[in-house]
């Protein structure tokens, strides 16, 4: 489950991760703003980065397929295709392989 209600000292809370993307000043350039808030014991955390990112239409379709279609159609050959998509996403986020989270977790 991606979002889960948790209880901390008798108070319900839901940690919030906000990710905003804005067009940058050049083709394939983007500004990403990330904020984490409502985490017990921590002040809100945020940072911004300008990144270069480019996907082919085919790669964009593969990434779209993963969370939208794969959970509905898990029969062969979908698991092998999903492994390929997971490897592709992990390769696009070097140093952060857990950014390519499995939708099945």
C-alpha atoms as a PDB file:
ATOM      1  CA  UNK A   1       0.000   0.000   0.000  1.00  0.00           C
ATOM      2  CA  UNK A   2       1.509   3.333  -1.030  1.00  0.00           C
ATOM      3  CA  UNK A   3      -0.199   5.468   1.600  1.00  0.00           C
ATOM      4  CA  UNK A   4      -0.865   4.119   5.044  1.00  0.00           C
ATOM      5  CA  UNK A   5      -2.442   5.823   8.024  1.00  0.00           C
ATOM      6  CA  UNK A   6      -0.203   5.488  11.036  1.00  0.00           C
ATOM      7  CA  UNK A   7      -0.651   6.258  14.717  1.00  0.00           C
ATOM      8  CA  UNK A   8       1.962   8.059  16.830  1.00  0.00           C
ATOM      9  CA  UNK A   9       1.309   8.636  20.542  1.00  0.00           C
ATOM     10  CA  UNK A  10      -2.437   8.432  20.022  1.00  0.00           C
ATOM     11  CA  UNK A  11      -2.473  11.065  17.266  1.00  0.00           C
ATOM     12  CA  UNK A  12      -3.320  10.050  13.713  1.00  0.00           C
ATOM     13  CA  UNK A  13      -1.114  11.569  11.045  1.00  0.00           C
ATOM     14  CA  UNK A  14      -0.219  10.981   7.452  1.00  0.00           C
ATOM     15  CA  UNK A  15       3.327  11.853   6.344  1.00  0.00           C
ATOM     16  CA  UNK A  16       3.229  13.916   3.163  1.00  0.00           C
ATOM     17  CA  UNK A  17       5.715  13.866   0.300  1.00  0.00           C
ATOM     18  CA  UNK A  18       5.149  16.631  -2.252  1.00  0.00           C
ATOM     19  CA  UNK A  19       6.925  16.522  -5.599  1.00  0.00           C
ATOM     20  CA  UNK A  20       6.440  19.391  -8.041  1.00  0.00           C
ATOM     21  CA  UNK A  21       7.975  19.607 -11.494  1.00  0.00           C
ATOM     22  CA  UNK A  22       8.359  22.785 -13.523  1.00  0.00           C
ATOM     23  CA  UNK A  23       9.717  23.440 -16.983  1.00  0.00           C
ATOM     24  CA  UNK A  24      13.312  24.626 -16.968  1.00  0.00           C
ATOM     25  CA  UNK A  25      15.012  27.180 -19.139  1.00  0.00           C
ATOM     26  CA  UNK A  26      16.092  24.759 -21.875  1.00  0.00           C
ATOM     27  CA  UNK A  27      14.767  21.665 -23.640  1.00  0.00           C
ATOM     28  CA  UNK A  28      14.675  18.600 -21.357  1.00  0.00           C
ATOM     29  CA  UNK A  29      15.539  20.743 -18.301  1.00  0.00           C
ATOM     30  CA  UNK A  30      13.221  20.711 -15.270  1.00  0.00           C
ATOM     31  CA  UNK A  31      13.146  22.135 -11.773  1.00  0.00           C
ATOM     32  CA  UNK A  32      12.018  19.623  -9.166  1.00  0.00           C
ATOM     33  CA  UNK A  33      10.802  20.787  -5.736  1.00  0.00           C
ATOM     34  CA  UNK A  34      10.512  18.082  -3.066  1.00  0.00           C
ATOM     35  CA  UNK A  35       9.020  18.582   0.393  1.00  0.00           C
ATOM     36  CA  UNK A  36       8.477  16.046   3.196  1.00  0.00           C
ATOM     37  CA  UNK A  37       6.233  17.137   6.036  1.00  0.00           C
ATOM     38  CA  UNK A  38       4.125  15.823   8.903  1.00  0.00           C
ATOM     39  CA  UNK A  39       6.860  13.426  10.043  1.00  0.00           C
ATOM     40  CA  UNK A  40       7.020  13.072  13.840  1.00  0.00           C
ATOM     41  CA  UNK A  41      10.135  14.565  15.376  1.00  0.00           C
ATOM     42  CA  UNK A  42      11.281  16.264  12.183  1.00  0.00           C
ATOM     43  CA  UNK A  43      10.822  19.768  10.875  1.00  0.00           C
ATOM     44  CA  UNK A  44       9.529  19.909   7.304  1.00  0.00           C
ATOM     45  CA  UNK A  45      12.342  19.155   4.868  1.00  0.00           C
ATOM     46  CA  UNK A  46      12.565  20.515   1.329  1.00  0.00           C
ATOM     47  CA  UNK A  47      14.973  20.987  -1.528  1.00  0.00           C
ATOM     48  CA  UNK A  48      14.983  21.924  -5.203  1.00  0.00           C
ATOM     49  CA  UNK A  49      17.121  20.692  -8.066  1.00  0.00           C
ATOM     50  CA  UNK A  50      17.404  21.490 -11.740  1.00  0.00           C
ATOM     51  CA  UNK A  51      17.712  18.280 -13.721  1.00  0.00           C
ATOM     52  CA  UNK A  52      18.051  17.133 -17.299  1.00  0.00           C
ATOM     53  CA  UNK A  53      15.588  14.431 -18.245  1.00  0.00           C
ATOM     54  CA  UNK A  54      14.630  13.037 -21.620  1.00  0.00           C
ATOM     55  CA  UNK A  55      12.462  10.023 -22.452  1.00  0.00           C
ATOM     56  CA  UNK A  56      11.644   8.524 -25.786  1.00  0.00           C
ATOM     57  CA  UNK A  57       7.920   8.033 -26.415  1.00  0.00           C
ATOM     58  CA  UNK A  58       8.512   4.273 -26.122  1.00  0.00           C
ATOM     59  CA  UNK A  59      10.189   4.606 -22.710  1.00  0.00           C
ATOM     60  CA  UNK A  60       7.405   6.909 -21.526  1.00  0.00           C
ATOM     61  CA  UNK A  61       4.855   4.286 -22.547  1.00  0.00           C
ATOM     62  CA  UNK A  62       6.781   1.561 -20.686  1.00  0.00           C
ATOM     63  CA  UNK A  63       6.796   3.646 -17.514  1.00  0.00           C
ATOM     64  CA  UNK A  64       3.078   4.455 -17.909  1.00  0.00           C
ATOM     65  CA  UNK A  65       2.298   0.746 -18.408  1.00  0.00           C
ATOM     66  CA  UNK A  66       3.996  -0.270 -15.161  1.00  0.00           C
ATOM     67  CA  UNK A  67       1.636   1.336 -12.579  1.00  0.00           C
ATOM     68  CA  UNK A  68      -1.473   1.471 -14.776  1.00  0.00           C
ATOM     69  CA  UNK A  69      -1.662  -1.830 -16.646  1.00  0.00           C
ATOM     70  CA  UNK A  70       0.709  -4.285 -14.989  1.00  0.00           C
ATOM     71  CA  UNK A  71      -1.252  -4.608 -11.703  1.00  0.00           C
ATOM     72  CA  UNK A  72      -4.338  -5.553 -13.724  1.00  0.00           C
ATOM     73  CA  UNK A  73      -2.638  -8.053 -16.056  1.00  0.00           C
ATOM     74  CA  UNK A  74       0.025  -9.994 -14.153  1.00  0.00           C
ATOM     75  CA  UNK A  75       0.073 -13.084 -16.401  1.00  0.00           C
ATOM     76  CA  UNK A  76       3.075 -13.982 -18.566  1.00  0.00           C
ATOM     77  CA  UNK A  77       4.853 -12.201 -20.163  1.00  0.00           C
ATOM     78  CA  UNK A  78       3.992  -9.227 -17.896  1.00  0.00           C
ATOM     79  CA  UNK A  79       6.359 -10.203 -15.024  1.00  0.00           C
ATOM     80  CA  UNK A  80       9.341 -10.320 -17.394  1.00  0.00           C
ATOM     81  CA  UNK A  81       8.317  -7.008 -18.955  1.00  0.00           C
ATOM     82  CA  UNK A  82       7.938  -5.487 -15.479  1.00  0.00           C
ATOM     83  CA  UNK A  83      11.450  -6.606 -14.515  1.00  0.00           C
ATOM     84  CA  UNK A  84      12.764  -4.830 -17.607  1.00  0.00           C
ATOM     85  CA  UNK A  85      10.879  -1.644 -16.715  1.00  0.00           C
ATOM     86  CA  UNK A  86      12.138  -1.814 -13.111  1.00  0.00           C
ATOM     87  CA  UNK A  87      15.723  -2.203 -14.352  1.00  0.00           C
ATOM     88  CA  UNK A  88      15.235   0.723 -16.749  1.00  0.00           C
ATOM     89  CA  UNK A  89      13.872   2.967 -13.949  1.00  0.00           C
ATOM     90  CA  UNK A  90      16.688   1.942 -11.592  1.00  0.00           C
ATOM     91  CA  UNK A  91      19.194   2.809 -14.327  1.00  0.00           C
ATOM     92  CA  UNK A  92      17.614   6.248 -14.772  1.00  0.00           C
ATOM     93  CA  UNK A  93      18.130   7.004 -11.074  1.00  0.00           C
ATOM     94  CA  UNK A  94      21.783   6.085 -10.453  1.00  0.00           C
ATOM     95  CA  UNK A  95      22.670   6.052  -6.790  1.00  0.00           C
ATOM     96  CA  UNK A  96      18.990   5.826  -5.893  1.00  0.00           C
ATOM     97  CA  UNK A  97      17.816   2.372  -7.014  1.00  0.00           C
ATOM     98  CA  UNK A  98      14.946   2.414  -4.509  1.00  0.00           C
ATOM     99  CA  UNK A  99      13.351   5.262  -6.458  1.00  0.00           C
ATOM    100  CA  UNK A 100      12.235   2.538  -8.848  1.00  0.00           C
ATOM    101  CA  UNK A 101       9.718   1.092  -6.425  1.00  0.00           C
ATOM    102  CA  UNK A 102       7.731  -1.959  -7.309  1.00  0.00           C
ATOM    103  CA  UNK A 103       4.006  -1.234  -7.485  1.00  0.00           C
ATOM    104  CA  UNK A 104       3.462  -4.715  -6.055  1.00  0.00           C
ATOM    105  CA  UNK A 105       4.897  -3.853  -2.608  1.00  0.00           C
END
